[in-house]
C-alpha atoms as a PDB file:
ATOM      1  CA  MET A   1       0.000   0.000   0.000  1.00  0.00           C
ATOM      2  CA  SER A   2       1.386   3.369  -0.972  1.00  0.00           C
ATOM      3  CA  VAL A   3       0.318   6.511   0.848  1.00  0.00           C
ATOM      4  CA  GLU A   4       0.900   9.857  -0.798  1.00  0.00           C
ATOM      5  CA  THR A   5       1.776  12.967   1.155  1.00  0.00           C
ATOM      6  CA  PHE A   6      -1.098  15.425   0.866  1.00  0.00           C
ATOM      7  CA  VAL A   7      -0.765  19.151   1.440  1.00  0.00           C
ATOM      8  CA  PRO A   8      -4.283  20.571   1.834  1.00  0.00           C
ATOM      9  CA  ASP A   9      -5.367  24.062   0.780  1.00  0.00           C
ATOM     10  CA  SER A  10      -5.915  24.970   4.432  1.00  0.00           C
ATOM     11  CA  ALA A  11      -4.273  23.462   7.464  1.00  0.00           C
ATOM     12  CA  VAL A  12      -5.735  20.251   8.765  1.00  0.00           C
ATOM     13  CA  ILE A  13      -3.448  20.626  11.777  1.00  0.00           C
ATOM     14  CA  THR A  14      -0.321  22.562  12.603  1.00  0.00           C
ATOM     15  CA  VAL A  15       2.448  21.358  14.865  1.00  0.00           C
ATOM     16  CA  THR A  16       4.470  23.936  16.797  1.00  0.00           C
ATOM     17  CA  PRO A  17       8.275  23.807  16.777  1.00  0.00           C
ATOM     18  CA  GLU A  18       8.157  22.705  20.439  1.00  0.00           C
ATOM     19  CA  ALA A  19       5.902  19.758  19.574  1.00  0.00           C
ATOM     20  CA  VAL A  20       8.094  18.852  16.578  1.00  0.00           C
ATOM     21  CA  ARG A  21      11.153  18.773  18.873  1.00  0.00           C
ATOM     22  CA  HIS A  22       9.227  16.626  21.349  1.00  0.00           C
ATOM     23  CA  PHE A  23       8.249  14.110  18.664  1.00  0.00           C
ATOM     24  CA  GLU A  24      11.759  14.092  17.155  1.00  0.00           C
ATOM     25  CA  SER A  25      13.211  13.355  20.591  1.00  0.00           C
ATOM     26  CA  LYS A  26      10.707  10.575  21.323  1.00  0.00           C
ATOM     27  CA  LEU A  27      11.350   8.895  17.973  1.00  0.00           C
ATOM     28  CA  ALA A  28      15.146   9.217  18.338  1.00  0.00           C
ATOM     29  CA  LYS A  29      15.126   7.782  21.875  1.00  0.00           C
ATOM     30  CA  ALA A  30      13.029   4.851  20.754  1.00  0.00           C
ATOM     31  CA  GLY A  31      15.302   4.305  17.753  1.00  0.00           C
ATOM     32  CA  ILE A  32      12.333   3.761  15.495  1.00  0.00           C
ATOM     33  CA  GLU A  33      11.214   5.120  12.167  1.00  0.00           C
ATOM     34  CA  GLN A  34       7.525   5.606  12.659  1.00  0.00           C
ATOM     35  CA  ILE A  35       4.939   8.259  12.062  1.00  0.00           C
ATOM     36  CA  ILE A  36       2.805  10.076  14.594  1.00  0.00           C
ATOM     37  CA  ARG A  37      -0.887   9.400  14.001  1.00  0.00           C
ATOM     38  CA  PHE A  38      -3.648  11.629  15.354  1.00  0.00           C
ATOM     39  CA  SER A  39      -7.220  10.454  15.663  1.00  0.00           C
ATOM     40  CA  THR A  40     -10.167  10.747  18.020  1.00  0.00           C
ATOM     41  CA  LYS A  41     -12.340   8.239  19.835  1.00  0.00           C
ATOM     42  CA  PRO A  42     -15.656   8.411  21.672  1.00  0.00           C
ATOM     43  CA  SER A  43     -14.840   8.979  25.322  1.00  0.00           C
ATOM     44  CA  GLY A  44     -15.754  10.655  28.563  1.00  0.00           C
ATOM     45  CA  CYS A  45     -18.728  12.697  29.527  1.00  0.00           C
ATOM     46  CA  THR A  46     -18.369  15.286  26.755  1.00  0.00           C
ATOM     47  CA  GLY A  47     -17.966  13.145  23.665  1.00  0.00           C
ATOM     48  CA  PHE A  48     -14.483  12.585  22.241  1.00  0.00           C
ATOM     49  CA  ALA A  49     -10.839  12.206  23.265  1.00  0.00           C
ATOM     50  CA  TYR A  50      -7.659  12.828  21.305  1.00  0.00           C
ATOM     51  CA  VAL A  51      -5.587   9.788  20.394  1.00  0.00           C
ATOM     52  CA  VAL A  52      -1.858  10.040  19.615  1.00  0.00           C
ATOM     53  CA  ASP A  53      -0.210   6.848  18.386  1.00  0.00           C
ATOM     54  CA  TYR A  54       3.078   5.791  16.856  1.00  0.00           C
ATOM     55  CA  ALA A  55       2.470   3.795  13.669  1.00  0.00           C
ATOM     56  CA  GLU A  56       4.545   1.952  11.099  1.00  0.00           C
ATOM     57  CA  HIS A  57       2.536   3.580   8.310  1.00  0.00           C
ATOM     58  CA  ALA A  58      -0.512   5.720   7.696  1.00  0.00           C
ATOM     59  CA  GLU A  59      -3.912   4.199   7.087  1.00  0.00           C
ATOM     60  CA  GLU A  60      -5.097   4.299   3.485  1.00  0.00           C
ATOM     61  CA  ASP A  61      -7.392   7.335   3.883  1.00  0.00           C
ATOM     62  CA  ASP A  62      -5.242   9.328   6.359  1.00  0.00           C
ATOM     63  CA  ILE A  63      -4.038  12.803   5.520  1.00  0.00           C
ATOM     64  CA  VAL A  64      -0.226  12.691   5.751  1.00  0.00           C
ATOM     65  CA  LEU A  65       1.867  15.782   6.512  1.00  0.00           C
ATOM     66  CA  GLU A  66       5.632  16.189   6.720  1.00  0.00           C
ATOM     67  CA  VAL A  67       6.170  18.506   9.700  1.00  0.00           C
ATOM     68  CA  SER A  68       9.965  18.204   9.679  1.00  0.00           C
ATOM     69  CA  ASP A  69      12.625  16.164   7.941  1.00  0.00           C
ATOM     70  CA  LYS A  70      12.384  13.697  10.860  1.00  0.00           C
ATOM     71  CA  VAL A  71       8.672  13.742  11.700  1.00  0.00           C
ATOM     72  CA  THR A  72       5.702  12.725   9.598  1.00  0.00           C
ATOM     73  CA  VAL A  73       2.209  12.943  11.002  1.00  0.00           C
ATOM     74  CA  ALA A  74      -0.985  11.329   9.807  1.00  0.00           C
ATOM     75  CA  VAL A  75      -4.489  12.469  10.630  1.00  0.00           C
ATOM     76  CA  ALA A  76      -7.310   9.945  10.518  1.00  0.00           C
ATOM     77  CA  GLN A  77      -9.860  10.910   7.881  1.00  0.00           C
ATOM     78  CA  ASP A  78     -12.789  10.562  10.295  1.00  0.00           C
ATOM     79  CA  ALA A  79     -11.082  12.916  12.786  1.00  0.00           C
ATOM     80  CA  ILE A  80     -10.532  15.771  10.327  1.00  0.00           C
ATOM     81  CA  PRO A  81     -13.861  17.531  10.998  1.00  0.00           C
ATOM     82  CA  MET A  82     -12.986  17.583  14.715  1.00  0.00           C
ATOM     83  CA  LEU A  83      -9.286  18.451  14.294  1.00  0.00           C
ATOM     84  CA  LYS A  84      -9.383  20.900  11.375  1.00  0.00           C
ATOM     85  CA  ASN A  85      -7.192  23.949  12.117  1.00  0.00           C
ATOM     86  CA  THR A  86      -5.992  22.511  15.441  1.00  0.00           C
ATOM     87  CA  GLU A  87      -2.564  23.559  16.660  1.00  0.00           C
ATOM     88  CA  ILE A  88      -0.662  20.827  18.468  1.00  0.00           C
ATOM     89  CA  ASP A  89       1.786  22.246  20.974  1.00  0.00           C
ATOM     90  CA  TYR A  90       4.100  20.866  23.651  1.00  0.00           C
ATOM     91  CA  VAL A  91       4.202  22.879  26.863  1.00  0.00           C
ATOM     92  CA  PHE A  92       5.447  22.504  30.403  1.00  0.00           C
ATOM     93  CA  GLU A  93       2.933  22.629  33.228  1.00  0.00           C
ATOM     94  CA  GLY A  94       5.073  22.751  36.332  1.00  0.00           C
ATOM     95  CA  VAL A  95       7.707  20.066  35.785  1.00  0.00           C
ATOM     96  CA  ASN A  96       5.626  17.986  33.367  1.00  0.00           C
ATOM     97  CA  GLY A  97       5.666  18.294  29.606  1.00  0.00           C
ATOM     98  CA  VAL A  98       2.273  17.772  27.946  1.00  0.00           C
ATOM     99  CA  LEU A  99       0.778  17.903  24.476  1.00  0.00           C
ATOM    100  CA  LYS A 100      -1.825  20.637  24.117  1.00  0.00           C
ATOM    101  CA  PHE A 101      -4.483  20.625  21.425  1.00  0.00           C
ATOM    102  CA  ASN A 102      -5.473  24.213  20.679  1.00  0.00           C
ATOM    103  CA  ASN A 103      -8.640  23.274  18.835  1.00  0.00           C
ATOM    104  CA  PRO A 104     -10.917  26.070  17.561  1.00  0.00           C
ATOM    105  CA  ASN A 105     -13.725  23.545  16.934  1.00  0.00           C
ATOM    106  CA  VAL A 106     -14.244  22.664  20.601  1.00  0.00           C
ATOM    107  CA  ILE A 107     -17.467  23.988  22.084  1.00  0.00           C
ATOM    108  CA  ASP A 108     -17.311  22.156  25.410  1.00  0.00           C
ATOM    109  CA  GLU A 109     -14.776  20.246  27.511  1.00  0.00           C
ATOM    110  CA  CYS A 110     -15.272  18.109  30.561  1.00  0.00           C
ATOM    111  CA  GLY A 111     -13.940  19.365  33.879  1.00  0.00           C
ATOM    112  CA  CYS A 112     -11.052  16.898  34.012  1.00  0.00           C
ATOM    113  CA  GLY A 113      -9.896  17.683  30.454  1.00  0.00           C
ATOM    114  CA  GLU A 114     -10.339  14.102  29.226  1.00  0.00           C
ATOM    115  CA  SER A 115     -12.981  14.742  26.586  1.00  0.00           C
ATOM    116  CA  PHE A 116     -14.404  17.446  24.333  1.00  0.00           C
ATOM    117  CA  SER A 117     -17.282  18.106  21.968  1.00  0.00           C
ATOM    118  CA  VAL A 118     -17.458  20.013  18.698  1.00  0.00           C
ATOM    119  CA  ASN A 119     -20.195  21.594  16.587  1.00  0.00           C
END
């Protein structure tokens, strides 16, 4: 199966330089050549949760983006309506580094931050 890199007219997602460095570091430490795959799943009291996986290859209908010469990301086709124009960032909260999804589509989030809903 061959997956072509697709560059959409408008951003499906963007990945900040901090998040790119985070993913590059994780991949280098693991010594693997994989892609980062973003999707969503039904979860929690509000509706959906973000899913970040390492994968050997993209699924056939994923949107694939090269975010650096070392990091390729794939976005699940069924997650695009929920993730469109989302910025993925890596920030420190206290001493912990966390991925942040700055998603303009979110209309509600649960109190614990585990799930979200969109229009």
